[in-house]
N, C-alpha and C. Protein backbone atom coordinates (compact mmCIF):
# COMPACT_ATOMS: atom_id res chain seq x y z
N MET A 1 -7.19 10.65 8.20
CA MET A 1 -5.83 11.33 8.19
C MET A 1 -5.40 11.19 6.81
N THR A 2 -4.76 12.24 6.26
CA THR A 2 -4.10 12.22 4.98
C THR A 2 -2.64 12.70 5.10
N ILE A 3 -1.77 11.84 4.60
CA ILE A 3 -0.36 12.01 4.70
C ILE A 3 0.16 12.31 3.30
N THR A 4 0.88 13.31 3.17
CA THR A 4 1.73 13.52 1.90
C THR A 4 2.94 14.10 2.13
N GLU A 5 3.91 13.43 1.62
CA GLU A 5 5.33 13.89 1.80
C GLU A 5 6.13 13.78 0.59
N ARG A 6 6.89 14.72 0.30
CA ARG A 6 7.92 14.62 -0.78
C ARG A 6 9.21 14.01 -0.45
N LEU A 7 9.69 13.13 -1.26
CA LEU A 7 10.93 12.32 -0.98
C LEU A 7 11.90 12.47 -2.10
N SER A 8 13.17 12.35 -1.83
CA SER A 8 14.05 12.41 -2.89
C SER A 8 14.92 10.99 -2.75
N VAL A 9 14.80 10.00 -3.72
CA VAL A 9 15.49 8.78 -3.67
C VAL A 9 16.21 8.61 -4.90
N GLN A 10 17.49 8.51 -4.77
CA GLN A 10 18.42 8.37 -5.84
C GLN A 10 18.15 9.30 -6.95
N ASP A 11 17.97 10.54 -6.52
CA ASP A 11 17.65 11.71 -7.49
C ASP A 11 16.27 11.63 -8.12
N LEU A 12 15.42 10.70 -7.63
CA LEU A 12 14.09 10.65 -8.16
C LEU A 12 13.18 11.46 -7.15
N GLN A 13 12.35 12.26 -7.60
CA GLN A 13 11.50 13.00 -6.78
C GLN A 13 10.17 12.09 -6.56
N MET A 14 9.77 11.67 -5.35
CA MET A 14 8.57 10.92 -5.11
C MET A 14 7.60 11.59 -4.16
N ILE A 15 6.42 11.12 -4.25
CA ILE A 15 5.45 11.56 -3.30
C ILE A 15 4.92 10.44 -2.27
N LEU A 16 5.10 10.38 -1.03
CA LEU A 16 4.57 9.46 -0.18
C LEU A 16 3.26 9.88 0.25
N ARG A 17 2.22 9.02 0.05
CA ARG A 17 0.82 9.33 0.41
C ARG A 17 0.03 8.06 0.94
N GLU A 18 -1.05 8.44 1.59
CA GLU A 18 -1.89 7.24 1.89
C GLU A 18 -2.46 6.66 0.65
N ALA A 19 -2.52 5.28 0.61
CA ALA A 19 -3.14 4.65 -0.51
C ALA A 19 -4.56 4.72 -0.54
N THR A 20 -5.18 4.70 -1.79
CA THR A 20 -6.63 4.81 -1.79
C THR A 20 -7.12 3.48 -2.55
N SER A 21 -8.43 3.23 -2.60
CA SER A 21 -8.78 1.99 -3.33
C SER A 21 -8.45 2.11 -4.70
N ASN A 22 -8.32 3.29 -5.38
CA ASN A 22 -7.84 3.52 -6.85
C ASN A 22 -6.40 2.98 -7.02
N ASP A 23 -5.58 2.81 -5.95
CA ASP A 23 -4.33 2.29 -6.11
C ASP A 23 -4.16 0.80 -5.95
N ILE A 24 -5.21 0.10 -5.79
CA ILE A 24 -5.02 -1.41 -5.48
C ILE A 24 -4.57 -2.12 -6.68
N SER A 25 -4.91 -1.79 -8.01
CA SER A 25 -4.45 -2.42 -9.11
C SER A 25 -2.94 -2.32 -9.34
N ALA A 26 -2.54 -1.10 -8.99
CA ALA A 26 -1.00 -0.85 -9.12
C ALA A 26 -0.26 -1.56 -7.96
N ILE A 27 -0.84 -1.66 -6.82
CA ILE A 27 -0.25 -2.31 -5.66
C ILE A 27 -0.09 -3.83 -6.05
N VAL A 28 -1.07 -4.38 -6.57
CA VAL A 28 -1.21 -5.73 -6.84
C VAL A 28 -0.19 -6.00 -8.04
N GLU A 29 0.10 -5.17 -8.93
CA GLU A 29 1.14 -5.28 -9.93
C GLU A 29 2.37 -5.36 -9.26
N LEU A 30 2.74 -4.56 -8.41
CA LEU A 30 4.04 -4.54 -7.69
C LEU A 30 4.19 -5.76 -6.94
N LEU A 31 3.20 -6.34 -6.29
CA LEU A 31 3.30 -7.49 -5.44
C LEU A 31 3.60 -8.64 -6.39
N VAL A 32 2.87 -8.80 -7.55
CA VAL A 32 3.12 -9.88 -8.55
C VAL A 32 4.32 -9.84 -9.25
N ASP A 33 5.05 -8.69 -9.34
CA ASP A 33 6.33 -8.37 -9.97
C ASP A 33 7.50 -8.86 -8.99
N ASP A 34 7.12 -8.94 -7.78
CA ASP A 34 8.04 -9.07 -6.74
C ASP A 34 8.42 -10.67 -6.74
N GLN A 35 9.65 -11.15 -6.52
CA GLN A 35 9.98 -12.49 -6.60
C GLN A 35 9.16 -13.42 -5.51
N LEU A 36 9.04 -12.96 -4.32
CA LEU A 36 8.25 -13.50 -3.28
C LEU A 36 6.85 -13.49 -3.45
N GLY A 37 6.24 -12.33 -3.91
CA GLY A 37 4.86 -12.16 -4.10
C GLY A 37 4.25 -12.91 -5.32
N ALA A 38 5.11 -13.19 -6.20
CA ALA A 38 4.54 -13.71 -7.53
C ALA A 38 3.75 -15.00 -7.39
N GLY A 39 4.28 -15.78 -6.42
CA GLY A 39 3.59 -17.11 -6.27
C GLY A 39 2.60 -17.12 -4.99
N ARG A 40 2.52 -16.03 -4.33
CA ARG A 40 1.69 -15.91 -3.19
C ARG A 40 0.18 -15.78 -3.65
N GLU A 41 -0.69 -16.54 -2.97
CA GLU A 41 -2.03 -16.54 -3.15
C GLU A 41 -2.47 -16.70 -4.64
N GLY A 42 -1.79 -17.24 -5.49
CA GLY A 42 -2.10 -17.42 -6.77
C GLY A 42 -2.23 -16.02 -7.58
N ALA A 43 -1.68 -15.03 -7.06
CA ALA A 43 -1.83 -13.73 -7.59
C ALA A 43 -1.18 -13.64 -9.03
N THR A 44 -1.90 -13.02 -9.93
CA THR A 44 -1.40 -12.79 -11.30
C THR A 44 -1.89 -11.35 -11.64
N ALA A 45 -1.19 -10.73 -12.51
CA ALA A 45 -1.55 -9.27 -12.79
C ALA A 45 -2.98 -9.19 -13.39
N GLY A 46 -3.56 -10.29 -13.95
CA GLY A 46 -4.89 -10.19 -14.52
C GLY A 46 -5.94 -10.72 -13.59
N SER A 47 -5.46 -11.23 -12.40
CA SER A 47 -6.52 -11.94 -11.48
C SER A 47 -7.49 -11.01 -10.92
N GLY A 48 -8.49 -11.48 -10.33
CA GLY A 48 -9.50 -10.54 -9.80
C GLY A 48 -8.91 -9.64 -8.57
N LEU A 49 -9.49 -8.46 -8.48
CA LEU A 49 -9.00 -7.59 -7.44
C LEU A 49 -9.93 -7.68 -6.16
N ARG A 50 -10.98 -8.46 -6.18
CA ARG A 50 -11.93 -8.29 -5.06
C ARG A 50 -11.16 -8.67 -3.68
N PRO A 51 -10.43 -9.71 -3.57
CA PRO A 51 -9.73 -10.12 -2.37
C PRO A 51 -8.83 -8.97 -1.86
N TYR A 52 -8.24 -8.27 -2.73
CA TYR A 52 -7.33 -7.19 -2.44
C TYR A 52 -8.00 -5.99 -2.02
N LEU A 53 -9.14 -5.69 -2.65
CA LEU A 53 -10.09 -4.58 -2.28
C LEU A 53 -10.65 -4.73 -0.85
N ASP A 54 -11.13 -6.18 -0.59
CA ASP A 54 -11.44 -6.59 0.67
C ASP A 54 -10.41 -6.24 1.75
N ALA A 55 -9.24 -6.71 1.35
CA ALA A 55 -8.11 -6.55 2.39
C ALA A 55 -7.79 -5.05 2.72
N PHE A 56 -7.84 -4.28 1.58
CA PHE A 56 -7.63 -2.78 1.81
C PHE A 56 -8.80 -2.18 2.68
N GLU A 57 -9.96 -2.49 2.45
CA GLU A 57 -11.00 -1.92 3.28
C GLU A 57 -10.87 -2.36 4.62
N ALA A 58 -10.26 -3.54 5.07
CA ALA A 58 -10.16 -4.01 6.41
C ALA A 58 -8.92 -3.25 6.94
N ILE A 59 -7.80 -2.92 6.15
CA ILE A 59 -6.66 -2.08 6.59
C ILE A 59 -7.10 -0.76 6.87
N ASP A 60 -7.81 -0.20 5.80
CA ASP A 60 -8.22 1.23 5.99
C ASP A 60 -9.21 1.51 7.09
N ALA A 61 -10.04 0.52 7.47
CA ALA A 61 -10.84 0.76 8.58
C ALA A 61 -10.18 0.52 10.01
N ASP A 62 -8.99 0.01 9.98
CA ASP A 62 -8.31 -0.24 11.37
C ASP A 62 -7.39 0.90 11.68
N PRO A 63 -7.56 1.57 12.76
CA PRO A 63 -6.72 2.76 13.04
C PRO A 63 -5.17 2.27 13.45
N ALA A 64 -5.05 1.06 13.59
CA ALA A 64 -3.65 0.47 14.04
C ALA A 64 -2.89 0.26 12.77
N HIS A 65 -3.48 0.34 11.39
CA HIS A 65 -2.71 0.20 10.20
C HIS A 65 -2.89 1.41 9.23
N LEU A 66 -1.81 1.50 8.46
CA LEU A 66 -1.78 2.53 7.56
C LEU A 66 -1.04 2.02 6.24
N LEU A 67 -1.70 2.10 5.13
CA LEU A 67 -1.08 1.71 3.89
C LEU A 67 -0.78 2.85 3.06
N LEU A 68 0.56 3.00 2.77
CA LEU A 68 1.06 4.11 1.96
C LEU A 68 1.54 3.65 0.59
N VAL A 69 1.73 4.54 -0.38
CA VAL A 69 2.25 4.41 -1.75
C VAL A 69 3.14 5.44 -1.91
N ALA A 70 4.27 5.11 -2.66
CA ALA A 70 5.05 6.27 -3.15
C ALA A 70 4.82 6.32 -4.69
N THR A 71 4.83 7.60 -5.06
CA THR A 71 4.44 7.75 -6.69
C THR A 71 5.62 8.58 -7.13
N HIS A 72 5.91 8.35 -8.40
CA HIS A 72 6.87 9.11 -9.23
C HIS A 72 6.23 9.42 -10.55
N GLU A 73 6.06 10.59 -10.79
CA GLU A 73 5.42 11.15 -12.00
C GLU A 73 3.92 10.47 -12.07
N ALA A 74 3.25 10.48 -10.91
CA ALA A 74 1.96 9.92 -10.78
C ALA A 74 1.67 8.51 -10.98
N GLN A 75 2.89 7.64 -11.02
CA GLN A 75 2.72 6.28 -11.03
C GLN A 75 3.35 5.69 -9.81
N VAL A 76 2.43 4.70 -9.21
CA VAL A 76 2.87 4.14 -8.10
C VAL A 76 3.98 3.16 -8.22
N VAL A 77 5.11 3.45 -7.39
CA VAL A 77 6.29 2.66 -7.70
C VAL A 77 6.73 1.96 -6.39
N ALA A 78 6.05 2.16 -5.25
CA ALA A 78 6.39 1.37 -4.00
C ALA A 78 5.19 1.40 -3.08
N THR A 79 5.08 0.44 -2.24
CA THR A 79 3.96 0.55 -1.14
C THR A 79 4.59 0.00 0.07
N MET A 80 4.01 0.40 1.23
CA MET A 80 4.27 -0.22 2.56
C MET A 80 3.26 -0.01 3.46
N GLN A 81 3.14 -0.95 4.38
CA GLN A 81 2.01 -1.06 5.39
C GLN A 81 2.64 -0.75 6.76
N LEU A 82 2.18 0.22 7.39
CA LEU A 82 2.60 0.48 8.88
C LEU A 82 1.64 -0.05 9.78
N THR A 83 2.09 -0.77 10.85
CA THR A 83 1.15 -1.42 11.77
C THR A 83 1.64 -1.07 13.15
N GLY A 84 0.96 -0.43 13.86
CA GLY A 84 1.24 -0.06 15.30
C GLY A 84 0.35 -0.88 16.25
N PRO A 85 0.57 -0.51 17.52
CA PRO A 85 -0.36 -1.27 18.55
C PRO A 85 -1.79 -0.71 18.44
N ASP A 86 -2.70 -1.68 18.76
CA ASP A 86 -4.07 -1.32 18.82
C ASP A 86 -4.30 -0.04 19.68
N PRO A 87 -4.77 1.11 19.21
CA PRO A 87 -4.92 2.25 19.91
C PRO A 87 -5.70 1.97 21.21
N GLY A 88 -6.58 1.05 21.26
CA GLY A 88 -7.37 0.76 22.50
C GLY A 88 -6.61 0.15 23.50
N SER A 89 -5.51 -0.40 23.13
CA SER A 89 -4.48 -0.89 24.18
C SER A 89 -3.37 -0.04 24.73
N TRP A 90 -3.24 1.19 24.09
CA TRP A 90 -2.32 2.07 24.57
C TRP A 90 -2.45 2.42 26.04
N THR A 91 -1.42 2.59 26.68
CA THR A 91 -1.36 3.06 28.16
C THR A 91 -0.66 4.25 28.24
N ARG A 92 -0.83 5.01 29.29
CA ARG A 92 -0.01 6.24 29.58
C ARG A 92 0.94 5.96 30.58
């Protein structure tokens, strides 16, 4: 599934789309720049990306999760993870 949506936030034009593994470095930079995320898991802007790539692969493989990024002028400026119920547990 590919999701692309144009958004206007405070007069900035953004594109909301599914994250790819190419976005991981930019996502980690956002997390490290955040006051709460800066100390989490010992993350630093220069630390190895392998744990984050592994986490991305797990999220991407699970249909109950969706990782999105918002871009402005082709730069990742925000990220979010949407988590729903396990599709196998849905009932009608």
